[in-house]
Protein backbone atom coordinates (compact mmCIF):
# COMPACT_ATOMS: atom_id res chain seq x y z
CA MET A 1 136.89 94.02 120.63
CA GLU A 2 135.35 97.20 119.17
CA SER A 3 131.73 97.77 118.96
CA LEU A 4 130.02 99.42 116.35
CA SER A 5 126.99 101.23 116.69
CA ALA A 6 124.20 101.90 114.31
CA PRO A 7 124.25 105.08 112.24
CA LYS A 8 121.37 107.81 114.03
CA TRP A 9 118.41 107.39 112.07
CA LYS A 10 117.45 111.14 110.36
CA ALA A 11 114.11 112.21 108.57
CA LYS A 12 112.64 115.53 107.89
CA VAL A 13 108.50 115.38 107.59
CA SER A 14 106.32 118.44 106.23
CA THR A 15 103.23 120.08 106.24
CA LEU A 16 101.23 120.64 102.60
CA ALA A 17 100.84 124.69 102.53
CA LEU A 18 99.33 126.45 104.60
CA GLU A 19 97.40 128.62 103.01
CA MET A 20 95.40 130.21 105.32
CA ALA A 21 97.60 131.01 108.68
CA THR A 22 101.05 132.81 107.81
CA ALA A 23 104.58 131.88 109.28
CA ASP A 24 103.98 134.59 111.66
CA GLN A 25 101.00 133.80 112.98
CA ILE A 26 102.40 130.08 113.38
CA TRP A 27 105.66 130.55 114.87
CA PRO A 28 104.42 131.67 118.59
CA LEU A 29 102.25 128.41 118.29
CA LEU A 30 105.38 126.66 117.83
CA LEU A 31 107.63 128.40 120.56
CA ASP A 32 104.90 128.36 122.95
CA PHE A 33 106.98 124.50 124.12
CA PHE A 34 105.25 123.85 127.05
CA ASN A 35 101.57 124.02 125.65
CA LEU A 36 102.21 121.46 122.44
CA HIS A 37 99.47 119.44 123.41
CA GLN A 38 96.72 121.95 122.69
CA TRP A 39 98.19 121.28 118.50
CA PHE A 40 99.48 118.08 118.28
CA PRO A 41 96.48 115.34 118.16
CA SER A 42 98.04 112.46 120.41
CA LEU A 43 98.91 114.75 123.60
CA ALA A 44 96.98 113.98 126.39
CA MET A 45 99.19 116.98 128.06
CA CYS A 46 102.47 118.75 128.45
CA ARG A 47 103.11 120.67 130.73
CA GLY A 48 106.33 123.07 131.78
CA VAL A 49 108.64 121.44 134.20
CA HIS A 50 111.57 123.55 134.46
CA GLY A 51 112.93 127.16 132.77
CA THR A 52 110.65 129.63 131.06
CA ASN A 53 108.69 128.62 128.24
CA GLY A 54 109.88 129.35 124.81
CA GLU A 55 113.55 129.95 126.24
CA PRO A 56 116.52 127.14 125.41
CA GLY A 57 116.69 125.35 128.99
CA ALA A 58 113.13 124.90 129.23
CA ILE A 59 111.93 121.31 130.07
CA ARG A 60 108.72 119.64 129.42
CA TYR A 61 106.77 116.89 130.06
CA CYS A 62 104.49 115.11 127.61
CA THR A 63 102.36 112.39 127.91
CA GLY A 64 100.96 110.93 125.03
CA PHE A 65 100.34 107.11 122.62
CA SER A 66 101.73 107.71 119.51
CA LEU A 67 105.53 108.12 119.34
CA SER A 68 106.71 105.66 121.73
CA ALA A 69 109.15 102.86 121.69
CA SER A 70 106.34 100.28 122.31
CA SER A 71 103.92 101.43 120.06
CA ILE A 72 105.93 101.93 117.02
CA ASP A 73 104.91 98.82 115.15
CA SER A 74 101.02 98.70 115.57
CA GLN A 75 99.10 100.08 113.11
CA PRO A 76 98.20 103.58 113.88
CA THR A 77 94.53 103.27 115.96
CA LYS A 78 91.58 105.59 117.60
CA TYR A 79 94.28 106.65 120.03
CA ASP A 80 96.75 107.76 117.28
CA LEU A 81 93.96 110.43 116.42
CA GLY A 82 93.94 112.48 119.77
CA ASN A 83 91.44 109.75 121.25
CA LYS A 84 92.20 109.91 125.04
CA ASP A 85 90.55 106.65 126.39
CA LYS A 86 92.22 106.19 130.08
CA SER A 87 92.39 102.61 129.36
CA ASP A 88 95.56 102.79 126.48
CA PRO A 89 98.76 102.84 127.86
CA VAL A 90 100.67 106.23 128.69
CA ASN A 91 104.04 106.91 126.89
CA TRP A 92 106.16 109.91 128.40
CA SER A 93 109.09 111.62 128.55
CA LYS A 94 111.05 115.08 129.48
CA GLU A 95 112.16 116.71 126.98
CA LYS A 96 114.29 119.48 126.90
CA LEU A 97 114.24 123.20 124.75
CA VAL A 98 118.41 123.41 123.32
CA SER A 99 117.90 126.19 120.83
CA VAL A 100 115.64 129.01 119.15
CA ASP A 101 116.13 130.68 115.73
CA HIS A 102 113.97 133.56 115.41
CA VAL A 103 114.74 135.05 112.62
CA LYS A 104 114.39 130.85 110.87
CA ARG A 105 111.40 130.89 113.29
CA SER A 106 112.59 127.12 114.67
CA LEU A 107 113.53 125.55 117.54
CA SER A 108 115.41 122.38 118.58
CA TYR A 109 114.89 119.99 121.58
CA GLU A 110 115.89 116.93 123.20
CA ILE A 111 114.33 114.19 124.60
CA VAL A 112 116.46 113.95 128.13
CA GLU A 113 114.14 111.00 129.72
CA ASN A 114 111.39 108.67 128.42
CA ILE A 115 110.07 105.28 127.54
CA GLY A 116 112.50 103.67 124.47
CA PHE A 117 114.38 106.58 123.11
CA LYS A 118 118.12 106.52 123.64
CA SER A 119 118.71 109.69 121.73
CA TYR A 120 116.19 111.49 120.44
CA VAL A 121 116.68 115.02 118.66
CA SER A 122 114.09 117.24 117.30
CA THR A 123 113.86 120.57 114.78
CA ILE A 124 111.14 122.27 113.83
CA GLY A 125 110.23 124.97 112.04
CA VAL A 126 107.52 127.38 110.07
CA VAL A 127 108.27 128.76 106.73
CA PRO A 128 107.09 131.13 104.51
CA ARG A 129 105.40 129.54 100.97
CA GLY A 130 103.54 132.11 99.36
CA ASP A 131 101.21 133.86 101.29
CA GLY A 132 101.22 130.91 103.80
CA CYS A 133 103.79 128.35 105.64
CA LEU A 134 104.31 125.10 105.54
CA ILE A 135 106.50 123.62 109.19
CA GLU A 136 109.14 121.09 108.73
CA TRP A 137 109.91 118.78 111.23
CA GLU A 138 113.72 116.99 111.32
CA ILE A 139 114.30 114.49 113.63
CA VAL A 140 117.68 112.22 114.47
CA VAL A 141 117.11 109.47 116.81
CA ASP A 142 119.00 106.32 117.73
CA PRO A 143 117.48 103.28 115.84
CA VAL A 144 115.10 101.97 117.75
CA GLU A 145 115.35 97.45 117.76
CA GLY A 146 112.04 96.02 116.25
CA TRP A 147 111.51 99.04 114.37
CA GLU A 148 111.60 100.24 110.66
CA LEU A 149 112.55 104.27 110.23
CA ASP A 150 109.44 104.24 107.53
CA ASP A 151 107.02 103.73 110.17
CA LEU A 152 108.35 106.49 112.62
CA VAL A 153 108.17 108.79 109.96
CA SER A 154 104.64 107.80 108.76
CA LYS A 155 103.73 108.54 112.49
CA TYR A 156 105.70 111.84 112.46
CA GLU A 157 103.81 112.47 109.07
CA MET A 158 100.75 112.16 110.25
CA GLY A 159 101.08 113.43 113.69
CA LEU A 160 101.89 116.81 111.96
CA LYS A 161 98.70 116.93 109.05
CA GLY A 162 97.33 116.87 112.24
CA MET A 163 98.60 119.50 114.77
CA ALA A 164 99.01 121.72 111.00
CA LYS A 165 95.49 121.33 111.28
CA ASN A 166 94.69 122.55 114.64
CA MET A 167 96.74 125.73 114.30
CA GLU A 168 95.14 126.85 111.54
CA ASP A 169 91.97 126.39 112.61
CA HIS A 170 93.19 128.00 115.57
CA VAL A 171 94.50 131.04 113.66
CA LEU A 172 91.06 131.02 111.84
CA GLY A 173 88.54 131.16 114.43
CA ILE A 174 87.56 127.89 114.29
CA HIS A 175 87.82 125.75 117.51
């Protein structure tokens, strides 16, 4: 008897337009693959473990608190907003940069080892919008038992909103 697998979940989230930062200013920050923790609120650490930063084949190791299989069903907590209380369980992943498109200002990566996800591919890019830009994040992931896609999307929306603000503040010299 053949086993049927559930279709992959697909979602796309985007920021409201960043009015004070251009795509050319934000793109290098996204391309800095080994340093996502500088921008993404719930990441405690992100570092390169293989390859050259920003080049396909590079692998990063990230630790954080909000996007794991064990935390998706919980409501947002102070940990999801960047508080890195060391008593909170740490979630981790190793992520491989699969492709980079400098013309479209986008990159794709996949989780190659982690707590919880069986299959995960993500594409994140910067799109010019008027005098500013917006950031788009697409994910394709195998369904995770006990989760709802809407909950995962909400977590990404919250994280992307914080990341975009941190990037725009950096461009403006606000620290």
